[in-house]
Amino acid sequence: MLHTVSIWLLVVAFSAAGLFNAIGTRANRDNFARWGYPHWWHRATGVLEMTCAALIAFPATRGVGLILGVVIIAAAIFTVMRHRDLSHLAPLGVFLVMLAVGGITF
């Protein structure tokens, strides 16, 4: 039961984050620019997050999806730590915990 719930929470969370980043609100685009990324990077991030969600959704590709999720979140943590934008750490920590639970139950 915990396995199923954790996996689907990850799928929903990465799908929502991916959609949010792909749409790119003004504040979101400004954050990516402030962090030094190209103007299109929010879309690339969104596509990667939605790909991660799709990979996690299917048992055959779940391991690859979990690894991709860890890479995405690690890059995000590195970015916000490097720029001392610590307000973004809490949601990233939630993603990290969900990935750990999904990986343990994998």
PDB file of N, CA and C in Angstrom:
ATOM      1  N   MET A   1       0.829  -1.202   0.000  1.00  0.00           N
ATOM      2  CA  MET A   1       0.000   0.000   0.000  1.00  0.00           C
ATOM      3  C   MET A   1       0.870   1.262   0.000  1.00  0.00           C
ATOM      4  N   LEU A   2       1.867   1.310   0.909  1.00  0.00           N
ATOM      5  CA  LEU A   2       2.764   2.464   0.964  1.00  0.00           C
ATOM      6  C   LEU A   2       3.479   2.649  -0.370  1.00  0.00           C
ATOM      7  N   HIS A   3       3.863   1.535  -0.990  1.00  0.00           N
ATOM      8  CA  HIS A   3       4.549   1.589  -2.283  1.00  0.00           C
ATOM      9  C   HIS A   3       3.684   2.273  -3.334  1.00  0.00           C
ATOM     10  N   THR A   4       2.455   1.844  -3.449  1.00  0.00           N
ATOM     11  CA  THR A   4       1.546   2.397  -4.447  1.00  0.00           C
ATOM     12  C   THR A   4       1.290   3.877  -4.202  1.00  0.00           C
ATOM     13  N   VAL A   5       1.038   4.240  -2.966  1.00  0.00           N
ATOM     14  CA  VAL A   5       0.769   5.640  -2.628  1.00  0.00           C
ATOM     15  C   VAL A   5       1.994   6.507  -2.918  1.00  0.00           C
ATOM     16  N   SER A   6       3.167   6.051  -2.505  1.00  0.00           N
ATOM     17  CA  SER A   6       4.375   6.859  -2.717  1.00  0.00           C
ATOM     18  C   SER A   6       4.676   7.026  -4.202  1.00  0.00           C
ATOM     19  N   ILE A   7       4.481   5.983  -4.974  1.00  0.00           N
ATOM     20  CA  ILE A   7       4.737   6.066  -6.419  1.00  0.00           C
ATOM     21  C   ILE A   7       3.778   7.060  -7.063  1.00  0.00           C
ATOM     22  N   TRP A   8       2.506   6.973  -6.743  1.00  0.00           N
ATOM     23  CA  TRP A   8       1.542   7.870  -7.384  1.00  0.00           C
ATOM     24  C   TRP A   8       1.664   9.309  -6.890  1.00  0.00           C
ATOM     25  N   LEU A   9       2.105   9.490  -5.656  1.00  0.00           N
ATOM     26  CA  LEU A   9       2.406  10.851  -5.196  1.00  0.00           C
ATOM     27  C   LEU A   9       3.559  11.440  -6.004  1.00  0.00           C
ATOM     28  N   LEU A  10       4.569  10.631  -6.271  1.00  0.00           N
ATOM     29  CA  LEU A  10       5.681  11.097  -7.099  1.00  0.00           C
ATOM     30  C   LEU A  10       5.226  11.443  -8.516  1.00  0.00           C
ATOM     31  N   VAL A  11       4.403  10.596  -9.081  1.00  0.00           N
ATOM     32  CA  VAL A  11       3.903  10.846 -10.444  1.00  0.00           C
ATOM     33  C   VAL A  11       3.129  12.161 -10.490  1.00  0.00           C
ATOM     34  N   VAL A  12       2.243  12.362  -9.532  1.00  0.00           N
ATOM     35  CA  VAL A  12       1.450  13.597  -9.491  1.00  0.00           C
ATOM     36  C   VAL A  12       2.349  14.808  -9.233  1.00  0.00           C
ATOM     37  N   ALA A  13       3.275  14.680  -8.291  1.00  0.00           N
ATOM     38  CA  ALA A  13       4.144  15.810  -7.935  1.00  0.00           C
ATOM     39  C   ALA A  13       5.046  16.216  -9.102  1.00  0.00           C
ATOM     40  N   PHE A  14       5.682  15.241  -9.756  1.00  0.00           N
ATOM     41  CA  PHE A  14       6.542  15.581 -10.889  1.00  0.00           C
ATOM     42  C   PHE A  14       5.731  16.075 -12.088  1.00  0.00           C
ATOM     43  N   SER A  15       4.531  15.540 -12.276  1.00  0.00           N
ATOM     44  CA  SER A  15       3.669  16.038 -13.359  1.00  0.00           C
ATOM     45  C   SER A  15       3.280  17.493 -13.119  1.00  0.00           C
ATOM     46  N   ALA A  16       2.877  17.795 -11.886  1.00  0.00           N
ATOM     47  CA  ALA A  16       2.470  19.163 -11.558  1.00  0.00           C
ATOM     48  C   ALA A  16       3.647  20.124 -11.659  1.00  0.00           C
ATOM     49  N   ALA A  17       4.794  19.730 -11.126  1.00  0.00           N
ATOM     50  CA  ALA A  17       5.983  20.587 -11.205  1.00  0.00           C
ATOM     51  C   ALA A  17       6.393  20.789 -12.660  1.00  0.00           C
ATOM     52  N   GLY A  18       6.316  19.729 -13.442  1.00  0.00           N
ATOM     53  CA  GLY A  18       6.673  19.824 -14.856  1.00  0.00           C
ATOM     54  C   GLY A  18       5.749  20.758 -15.618  1.00  0.00           C
ATOM     55  N   LEU A  19       4.460  20.643 -15.359  1.00  0.00           N
ATOM     56  CA  LEU A  19       3.497  21.531 -16.010  1.00  0.00           C
ATOM     57  C   LEU A  19       3.732  22.978 -15.599  1.00  0.00           C
ATOM     58  N   PHE A  20       3.949  23.200 -14.298  1.00  0.00           N
ATOM     59  CA  PHE A  20       4.212  24.541 -13.792  1.00  0.00           C
ATOM     60  C   PHE A  20       5.461  25.137 -14.445  1.00  0.00           C
ATOM     61  N   ASN A  21       6.536  24.362 -14.519  1.00  0.00           N
ATOM     62  CA  ASN A  21       7.765  24.870 -15.127  1.00  0.00           C
ATOM     63  C   ASN A  21       7.627  25.054 -16.634  1.00  0.00           C
ATOM     64  N   ALA A  22       6.938  24.142 -17.301  1.00  0.00           N
ATOM     65  CA  ALA A  22       6.774  24.257 -18.750  1.00  0.00           C
ATOM     66  C   ALA A  22       5.952  25.485 -19.126  1.00  0.00           C
ATOM     67  N   ILE A  23       4.912  25.781 -18.345  1.00  0.00           N
ATOM     68  CA  ILE A  23       4.103  26.976 -18.602  1.00  0.00           C
ATOM     69  C   ILE A  23       4.927  28.221 -18.329  1.00  0.00           C
ATOM     70  N   GLY A  24       5.642  28.214 -17.233  1.00  0.00           N
ATOM     71  CA  GLY A  24       6.568  29.299 -16.926  1.00  0.00           C
ATOM     72  C   GLY A  24       5.911  30.628 -16.614  1.00  0.00           C
ATOM     73  N   THR A  25       5.419  30.771 -15.403  1.00  0.00           N
ATOM     74  CA  THR A  25       4.899  32.070 -14.988  1.00  0.00           C
ATOM     75  C   THR A  25       6.033  33.096 -15.016  1.00  0.00           C
ATOM     76  N   ARG A  26       5.695  34.347 -14.961  1.00  0.00           N
ATOM     77  CA  ARG A  26       6.707  35.411 -14.982  1.00  0.00           C
ATOM     78  C   ARG A  26       7.713  35.230 -13.848  1.00  0.00           C
ATOM     79  N   ALA A  27       7.213  34.975 -12.638  1.00  0.00           N
ATOM     80  CA  ALA A  27       8.106  34.791 -11.481  1.00  0.00           C
ATOM     81  C   ALA A  27       9.015  33.586 -11.682  1.00  0.00           C
ATOM     82  N   ASN A  28       8.475  32.528 -12.230  1.00  0.00           N
ATOM     83  CA  ASN A  28       9.257  31.323 -12.486  1.00  0.00           C
ATOM     84  C   ASN A  28      10.357  31.594 -13.525  1.00  0.00           C
ATOM     85  N   ARG A  29       9.999  32.257 -14.601  1.00  0.00           N
ATOM     86  CA  ARG A  29      10.995  32.605 -15.634  1.00  0.00           C
ATOM     87  C   ARG A  29      12.060  33.529 -15.055  1.00  0.00           C
ATOM     88  N   ASP A  30      11.648  34.471 -14.213  1.00  0.00           N
ATOM     89  CA  ASP A  30      12.610  35.379 -13.573  1.00  0.00           C
ATOM     90  C   ASP A  30      13.579  34.627 -12.671  1.00  0.00           C
ATOM     91  N   ASN A  31      13.069  33.618 -11.944  1.00  0.00           N
ATOM     92  CA  ASN A  31      13.958  32.807 -11.107  1.00  0.00           C
ATOM     93  C   ASN A  31      15.013  32.104 -11.946  1.00  0.00           C
ATOM     94  N   PHE A  32      14.601  31.468 -13.027  1.00  0.00           N
ATOM     95  CA  PHE A  32      15.563  30.765 -13.878  1.00  0.00           C
ATOM     96  C   PHE A  32      16.588  31.734 -14.462  1.00  0.00           C
ATOM     97  N   ALA A  33      16.151  32.910 -14.863  1.00  0.00           N
ATOM     98  CA  ALA A  33      17.077  33.917 -15.399  1.00  0.00           C
ATOM     99  C   ALA A  33      18.052  34.386 -14.321  1.00  0.00           C
ATOM    100  N   ARG A  34      17.539  34.616 -13.126  1.00  0.00           N
ATOM    101  CA  ARG A  34      18.379  35.058 -12.009  1.00  0.00           C
ATOM    102  C   ARG A  34      19.422  34.009 -11.658  1.00  0.00           C
ATOM    103  N   TRP A  35      19.068  32.753 -11.834  1.00  0.00           N
ATOM    104  CA  TRP A  35      19.996  31.664 -11.539  1.00  0.00           C
ATOM    105  C   TRP A  35      20.990  31.436 -12.672  1.00  0.00           C
ATOM    106  N   GLY A  36      20.845  32.185 -13.778  1.00  0.00           N
ATOM    107  CA  GLY A  36      21.811  32.113 -14.861  1.00  0.00           C
ATOM    108  C   GLY A  36      21.478  31.127 -15.974  1.00  0.00           C
ATOM    109  N   TYR A  37      20.272  30.617 -15.989  1.00  0.00           N
ATOM    110  CA  TYR A  37      19.887  29.670 -17.032  1.00  0.00           C
ATOM    111  C   TYR A  37      19.349  30.414 -18.252  1.00  0.00           C
ATOM    112  N   PRO A  38      19.435  29.801 -19.442  1.00  0.00           N
ATOM    113  CA  PRO A  38      18.881  30.440 -20.644  1.00  0.00           C
ATOM    114  C   PRO A  38      17.365  30.607 -20.533  1.00  0.00           C
ATOM    115  N   HIS A  39      16.814  31.497 -21.343  1.00  0.00           N
ATOM    116  CA  HIS A  39      15.386  31.844 -21.248  1.00  0.00           C
ATOM    117  C   HIS A  39      14.459  30.657 -21.474  1.00  0.00           C
ATOM    118  N   TRP A  40      14.903  29.634 -22.149  1.00  0.00           N
ATOM    119  CA  TRP A  40      14.079  28.467 -22.448  1.00  0.00           C
ATOM    120  C   TRP A  40      14.247  27.341 -21.426  1.00  0.00           C
ATOM    121  N   TRP A  41      15.110  27.499 -20.453  1.00  0.00           N
ATOM    122  CA  TRP A  41      15.453  26.401 -19.544  1.00  0.00           C
ATOM    123  C   TRP A  41      14.265  25.924 -18.703  1.00  0.00           C
ATOM    124  N   HIS A  42      13.346  26.830 -18.381  1.00  0.00           N
ATOM    125  CA  HIS A  42      12.178  26.406 -17.593  1.00  0.00           C
ATOM    126  C   HIS A  42      11.368  25.375 -18.354  1.00  0.00           C
ATOM    127  N   ARG A  43      11.318  25.499 -19.671  1.00  0.00           N
ATOM    128  CA  ARG A  43      10.588  24.515 -20.486  1.00  0.00           C
ATOM    129  C   ARG A  43      11.318  23.178 -20.492  1.00  0.00           C
ATOM    130  N   ALA A  44      12.639  23.215 -20.640  1.00  0.00           N
ATOM    131  CA  ALA A  44      13.424  21.978 -20.615  1.00  0.00           C
ATOM    132  C   ALA A  44      13.252  21.264 -19.272  1.00  0.00           C
ATOM    133  N   THR A  45      13.268  22.035 -18.198  1.00  0.00           N
ATOM    134  CA  THR A  45      13.074  21.460 -16.870  1.00  0.00           C
ATOM    135  C   THR A  45      11.691  20.825 -16.768  1.00  0.00           C
ATOM    136  N   GLY A  46      10.681  21.519 -17.264  1.00  0.00           N
ATOM    137  CA  GLY A  46       9.321  20.986 -17.231  1.00  0.00           C
ATOM    138  C   GLY A  46       9.189  19.691 -18.009  1.00  0.00           C
ATOM    139  N   VAL A  47       9.808  19.628 -19.176  1.00  0.00           N
ATOM    140  CA  VAL A  47       9.765  18.402 -19.985  1.00  0.00           C
ATOM    141  C   VAL A  47      10.472  17.260 -19.258  1.00  0.00           C
ATOM    142  N   LEU A  48      11.620  17.553 -18.655  1.00  0.00           N
ATOM    143  CA  LEU A  48      12.333  16.519 -17.894  1.00  0.00           C
ATOM    144  C   LEU A  48      11.493  16.018 -16.716  1.00  0.00           C
ATOM    145  N   GLU A  49      10.826  16.923 -16.018  1.00  0.00           N
ATOM    146  CA  GLU A  49       9.997  16.524 -14.880  1.00  0.00           C
ATOM    147  C   GLU A  49       8.793  15.696 -15.327  1.00  0.00           C
ATOM    148  N   MET A  50       8.169  16.066 -16.429  1.00  0.00           N
ATOM    149  CA  MET A  50       7.037  15.284 -16.920  1.00  0.00           C
ATOM    150  C   MET A  50       7.495  13.923 -17.441  1.00  0.00           C
ATOM    151  N   THR A  51       8.687  13.880 -18.044  1.00  0.00           N
ATOM    152  CA  THR A  51       9.258  12.607 -18.479  1.00  0.00           C
ATOM    153  C   THR A  51       9.523  11.716 -17.273  1.00  0.00           C
ATOM    154  N   CYS A  52      10.057  12.311 -16.227  1.00  0.00           N
ATOM    155  CA  CYS A  52      10.309  11.590 -14.985  1.00  0.00           C
ATOM    156  C   CYS A  52       9.007  10.990 -14.453  1.00  0.00           C
ATOM    157  N   ALA A  53       7.954  11.770 -14.432  1.00  0.00           N
ATOM    158  CA  ALA A  53       6.652  11.288 -13.951  1.00  0.00           C
ATOM    159  C   ALA A  53       6.168  10.106 -14.781  1.00  0.00           C
ATOM    160  N   ALA A  54       6.294  10.208 -16.096  1.00  0.00           N
ATOM    161  CA  ALA A  54       5.850   9.126 -16.972  1.00  0.00           C
ATOM    162  C   ALA A  54       6.680   7.862 -16.737  1.00  0.00           C
ATOM    163  N   LEU A  55       7.981   8.022 -16.562  1.00  0.00           N
ATOM    164  CA  LEU A  55       8.834   6.861 -16.324  1.00  0.00           C
ATOM    165  C   LEU A  55       8.507   6.188 -14.989  1.00  0.00           C
ATOM    166  N   ILE A  56       8.248   6.977 -13.959  1.00  0.00           N
ATOM    167  CA  ILE A  56       7.921   6.424 -12.648  1.00  0.00           C
ATOM    168  C   ILE A  56       6.570   5.706 -12.677  1.00  0.00           C
ATOM    169  N   ALA A  57       5.662   6.143 -13.523  1.00  0.00           N
ATOM    170  CA  ALA A  57       4.314   5.568 -13.567  1.00  0.00           C
ATOM    171  C   ALA A  57       4.301   4.111 -14.018  1.00  0.00           C
ATOM    172  N   PHE A  58       5.283   3.714 -14.809  1.00  0.00           N
ATOM    173  CA  PHE A  58       5.292   2.357 -15.352  1.00  0.00           C
ATOM    174  C   PHE A  58       6.358   1.508 -14.668  1.00  0.00           C
ATOM    175  N   PRO A  59       5.976   0.335 -14.171  1.00  0.00           N
ATOM    176  CA  PRO A  59       6.932  -0.500 -13.442  1.00  0.00           C
ATOM    177  C   PRO A  59       8.209  -0.815 -14.225  1.00  0.00           C
ATOM    178  N   ALA A  60       8.116  -1.007 -15.519  1.00  0.00           N
ATOM    179  CA  ALA A  60       9.282  -1.374 -16.321  1.00  0.00           C
ATOM    180  C   ALA A  60      10.331  -0.263 -16.387  1.00  0.00           C
ATOM    181  N   THR A  61       9.898   0.986 -16.243  1.00  0.00           N
ATOM    182  CA  THR A  61      10.829   2.123 -16.345  1.00  0.00           C
ATOM    183  C   THR A  61      10.963   2.889 -15.033  1.00  0.00           C
ATOM    184  N   ARG A  62      10.387   2.356 -13.966  1.00  0.00           N
ATOM    185  CA  ARG A  62      10.342   3.068 -12.692  1.00  0.00           C
ATOM    186  C   ARG A  62      11.743   3.379 -12.154  1.00  0.00           C
ATOM    187  N   GLY A  63      12.654   2.444 -12.251  1.00  0.00           N
ATOM    188  CA  GLY A  63      14.010   2.665 -11.750  1.00  0.00           C
ATOM    189  C   GLY A  63      14.691   3.828 -12.445  1.00  0.00           C
ATOM    190  N   VAL A  64      14.562   3.887 -13.761  1.00  0.00           N
ATOM    191  CA  VAL A  64      15.144   4.997 -14.524  1.00  0.00           C
ATOM    192  C   VAL A  64      14.478   6.314 -14.133  1.00  0.00           C
ATOM    193  N   GLY A  65      13.168   6.282 -13.946  1.00  0.00           N
ATOM    194  CA  GLY A  65      12.445   7.486 -13.535  1.00  0.00           C
ATOM    195  C   GLY A  65      12.875   7.984 -12.172  1.00  0.00           C
ATOM    196  N   LEU A  66      13.083   7.068 -11.241  1.00  0.00           N
ATOM    197  CA  LEU A  66      13.533   7.464  -9.907  1.00  0.00           C
ATOM    198  C   LEU A  66      14.936   8.076  -9.965  1.00  0.00           C
ATOM    199  N   ILE A  67      15.806   7.493 -10.772  1.00  0.00           N
ATOM    200  CA  ILE A  67      17.161   8.046 -10.924  1.00  0.00           C
ATOM    201  C   ILE A  67      17.093   9.429 -11.555  1.00  0.00           C
ATOM    202  N   LEU A  68      16.280   9.579 -12.606  1.00  0.00           N
ATOM    203  CA  LEU A  68      16.120  10.891 -13.236  1.00  0.00           C
ATOM    204  C   LEU A  68      15.575  11.901 -12.228  1.00  0.00           C
ATOM    205  N   GLY A  69      14.624  11.491 -11.411  1.00  0.00           N
ATOM    206  CA  GLY A  69      14.070  12.374 -10.395  1.00  0.00           C
ATOM    207  C   GLY A  69      15.123  12.842  -9.406  1.00  0.00           C
ATOM    208  N   VAL A  70      15.979  11.929  -8.977  1.00  0.00           N
ATOM    209  CA  VAL A  70      17.057  12.295  -8.053  1.00  0.00           C
ATOM    210  C   VAL A  70      18.003  13.288  -8.707  1.00  0.00           C
ATOM    211  N   VAL A  71      18.338  13.061  -9.972  1.00  0.00           N
ATOM    212  CA  VAL A  71      19.232  13.985 -10.691  1.00  0.00           C
ATOM    213  C   VAL A  71      18.591  15.371 -10.799  1.00  0.00           C
ATOM    214  N   ILE A  72      17.320  15.423 -11.144  1.00  0.00           N
ATOM    215  CA  ILE A  72      16.610  16.704 -11.267  1.00  0.00           C
ATOM    216  C   ILE A  72      16.600  17.445  -9.935  1.00  0.00           C
ATOM    217  N   ILE A  73      16.247  16.748  -8.868  1.00  0.00           N
ATOM    218  CA  ILE A  73      16.153  17.395  -7.560  1.00  0.00           C
ATOM    219  C   ILE A  73      17.540  17.781  -7.053  1.00  0.00           C
ATOM    220  N   ALA A  74      18.543  16.950  -7.292  1.00  0.00           N
ATOM    221  CA  ALA A  74      19.911  17.291  -6.878  1.00  0.00           C
ATOM    222  C   ALA A  74      20.393  18.550  -7.594  1.00  0.00           C
ATOM    223  N   ALA A  75      20.095  18.661  -8.887  1.00  0.00           N
ATOM    224  CA  ALA A  75      20.479  19.859  -9.643  1.00  0.00           C
ATOM    225  C   ALA A  75      19.754  21.091  -9.107  1.00  0.00           C
ATOM    226  N   ALA A  76      18.490  20.933  -8.770  1.00  0.00           N
ATOM    227  CA  ALA A  76      17.727  22.056  -8.222  1.00  0.00           C
ATOM    228  C   ALA A  76      18.273  22.476  -6.855  1.00  0.00           C
ATOM    229  N   ILE A  77      18.588  21.496  -6.017  1.00  0.00           N
ATOM    230  CA  ILE A  77      19.159  21.818  -4.702  1.00  0.00           C
ATOM    231  C   ILE A  77      20.496  22.529  -4.871  1.00  0.00           C
ATOM    232  N   PHE A  78      21.330  22.031  -5.759  1.00  0.00           N
ATOM    233  CA  PHE A  78      22.617  22.675  -6.019  1.00  0.00           C
ATOM    234  C   PHE A  78      22.415  24.123  -6.466  1.00  0.00           C
ATOM    235  N   THR A  79      21.469  24.339  -7.366  1.00  0.00           N
ATOM    236  CA  THR A  79      21.203  25.684  -7.880  1.00  0.00           C
ATOM    237  C   THR A  79      20.775  26.633  -6.770  1.00  0.00           C
ATOM    238  N   VAL A  80      19.789  26.230  -5.976  1.00  0.00           N
ATOM    239  CA  VAL A  80      19.289  27.152  -4.954  1.00  0.00           C
ATOM    240  C   VAL A  80      20.302  27.351  -3.827  1.00  0.00           C
ATOM    241  N   MET A  81      21.096  26.334  -3.543  1.00  0.00           N
ATOM    242  CA  MET A  81      22.147  26.503  -2.530  1.00  0.00           C
ATOM    243  C   MET A  81      23.235  27.450  -3.044  1.00  0.00           C
ATOM    244  N   ARG A  82      23.623  27.291  -4.298  1.00  0.00           N
ATOM    245  CA  ARG A  82      24.659  28.133  -4.886  1.00  0.00           C
ATOM    246  C   ARG A  82      24.247  29.596  -4.894  1.00  0.00           C
ATOM    247  N   HIS A  83      22.963  29.838  -5.100  1.00  0.00           N
ATOM    248  CA  HIS A  83      22.462  31.212  -5.163  1.00  0.00           C
ATOM    249  C   HIS A  83      21.842  31.661  -3.843  1.00  0.00           C
ATOM    250  N   ARG A  84      21.981  30.845  -2.829  1.00  0.00           N
ATOM    251  CA  ARG A  84      21.462  31.142  -1.490  1.00  0.00           C
ATOM    252  C   ARG A  84      19.980  31.532  -1.516  1.00  0.00           C
ATOM    253  N   ASP A  85      19.233  30.849  -2.348  1.00  0.00           N
ATOM    254  CA  ASP A  85      17.795  31.077  -2.483  1.00  0.00           C
ATOM    255  C   ASP A  85      17.078  29.997  -1.676  1.00  0.00           C
ATOM    256  N   LEU A  86      17.263  30.047  -0.371  1.00  0.00           N
ATOM    257  CA  LEU A  86      16.875  28.956   0.511  1.00  0.00           C
ATOM    258  C   LEU A  86      15.372  28.741   0.641  1.00  0.00           C
ATOM    259  N   SER A  87      14.578  29.691   0.182  1.00  0.00           N
ATOM    260  CA  SER A  87      13.122  29.525   0.272  1.00  0.00           C
ATOM    261  C   SER A  87      12.631  28.356  -0.581  1.00  0.00           C
ATOM    262  N   HIS A  88      13.431  27.915  -1.531  1.00  0.00           N
ATOM    263  CA  HIS A  88      13.042  26.802  -2.408  1.00  0.00           C
ATOM    264  C   HIS A  88      13.443  25.442  -1.841  1.00  0.00           C
ATOM    265  N   LEU A  89      14.166  25.427  -0.738  1.00  0.00           N
ATOM    266  CA  LEU A  89      14.656  24.155  -0.211  1.00  0.00           C
ATOM    267  C   LEU A  89      13.553  23.273   0.373  1.00  0.00           C
ATOM    268  N   ALA A  90      12.552  23.849   0.998  1.00  0.00           N
ATOM    269  CA  ALA A  90      11.491  23.035   1.620  1.00  0.00           C
ATOM    270  C   ALA A  90      10.773  22.150   0.598  1.00  0.00           C
ATOM    271  N   PRO A  91      10.275  22.709  -0.515  1.00  0.00           N
ATOM    272  CA  PRO A  91       9.610  21.820  -1.475  1.00  0.00           C
ATOM    273  C   PRO A  91      10.570  20.793  -2.083  1.00  0.00           C
ATOM    274  N   LEU A  92      11.824  21.192  -2.286  1.00  0.00           N
ATOM    275  CA  LEU A  92      12.796  20.243  -2.830  1.00  0.00           C
ATOM    276  C   LEU A  92      13.053  19.115  -1.834  1.00  0.00           C
ATOM    277  N   GLY A  93      13.045  19.453  -0.545  1.00  0.00           N
ATOM    278  CA  GLY A  93      13.202  18.429   0.483  1.00  0.00           C
ATOM    279  C   GLY A  93      12.052  17.444   0.475  1.00  0.00           C
ATOM    280  N   VAL A  94      10.851  17.931   0.228  1.00  0.00           N
ATOM    281  CA  VAL A  94       9.684  17.051   0.141  1.00  0.00           C
ATOM    282  C   VAL A  94       9.848  16.088  -1.031  1.00  0.00           C
ATOM    283  N   PHE A  95      10.289  16.599  -2.176  1.00  0.00           N
ATOM    284  CA  PHE A  95      10.528  15.737  -3.335  1.00  0.00           C
ATOM    285  C   PHE A  95      11.589  14.682  -3.000  1.00  0.00           C
ATOM    286  N   LEU A  96      12.645  15.093  -2.324  1.00  0.00           N
ATOM    287  CA  LEU A  96      13.726  14.184  -1.968  1.00  0.00           C
ATOM    288  C   LEU A  96      13.216  13.059  -1.055  1.00  0.00           C
ATOM    289  N   VAL A  97      12.398  13.402  -0.077  1.00  0.00           N
ATOM    290  CA  VAL A  97      11.833  12.400   0.823  1.00  0.00           C
ATOM    291  C   VAL A  97      10.921  11.444   0.038  1.00  0.00           C
ATOM    292  N   MET A  98      10.089  11.995  -0.834  1.00  0.00           N
ATOM    293  CA  MET A  98       9.199  11.146  -1.628  1.00  0.00           C
ATOM    294  C   MET A  98      10.004  10.198  -2.523  1.00  0.00           C
ATOM    295  N   LEU A  99      11.104  10.704  -3.112  1.00  0.00           N
ATOM    296  CA  LEU A  99      11.963   9.847  -3.934  1.00  0.00           C
ATOM    297  C   LEU A  99      12.608   8.745  -3.092  1.00  0.00           C
ATOM    298  N   ALA A 100      13.015   9.080  -1.894  1.00  0.00           N
ATOM    299  CA  ALA A 100      13.624   8.078  -1.002  1.00  0.00           C
ATOM    300  C   ALA A 100      12.605   6.992  -0.652  1.00  0.00           C
ATOM    301  N   VAL A 101      11.394   7.402  -0.312  1.00  0.00           N
ATOM    302  CA  VAL A 101      10.353   6.420   0.023  1.00  0.00           C
ATOM    303  C   VAL A 101      10.011   5.578  -1.208  1.00  0.00           C
ATOM    304  N   GLY A 102       9.899   6.210  -2.358  1.00  0.00           N
ATOM    305  CA  GLY A 102       9.627   5.465  -3.588  1.00  0.00           C
ATOM    306  C   GLY A 102      10.757   4.509  -3.939  1.00  0.00           C
ATOM    307  N   GLY A 103      11.995   4.938  -3.685  1.00  0.00           N
ATOM    308  CA  GLY A 103      13.143   4.084  -3.973  1.00  0.00           C
ATOM    309  C   GLY A 103      13.263   2.922  -3.013  1.00  0.00           C
ATOM    310  N   ILE A 104      12.927   3.166  -1.753  1.00  0.00           N
ATOM    311  CA  ILE A 104      12.996   2.090  -0.746  1.00  0.00           C
ATOM    312  C   ILE A 104      11.956   1.025  -1.047  1.00  0.00           C
ATOM    313  N   THR A 105      10.797   1.466  -1.433  1.00  0.00           N
ATOM    314  CA  THR A 105       9.711   0.512  -1.708  1.00  0.00           C
ATOM    315  C   THR A 105       9.803  -0.077  -3.101  1.00  0.00           C
ATOM    316  N   PHE A 106      10.747   0.393  -3.902  1.00  0.00           N
ATOM    317  CA  PHE A 106      10.940  -0.099  -5.271  1.00  0.00           C
ATOM    318  C   PHE A 106      11.567  -1.437  -5.178  1.00  0.00           C
TER     319      PHE A 106
END
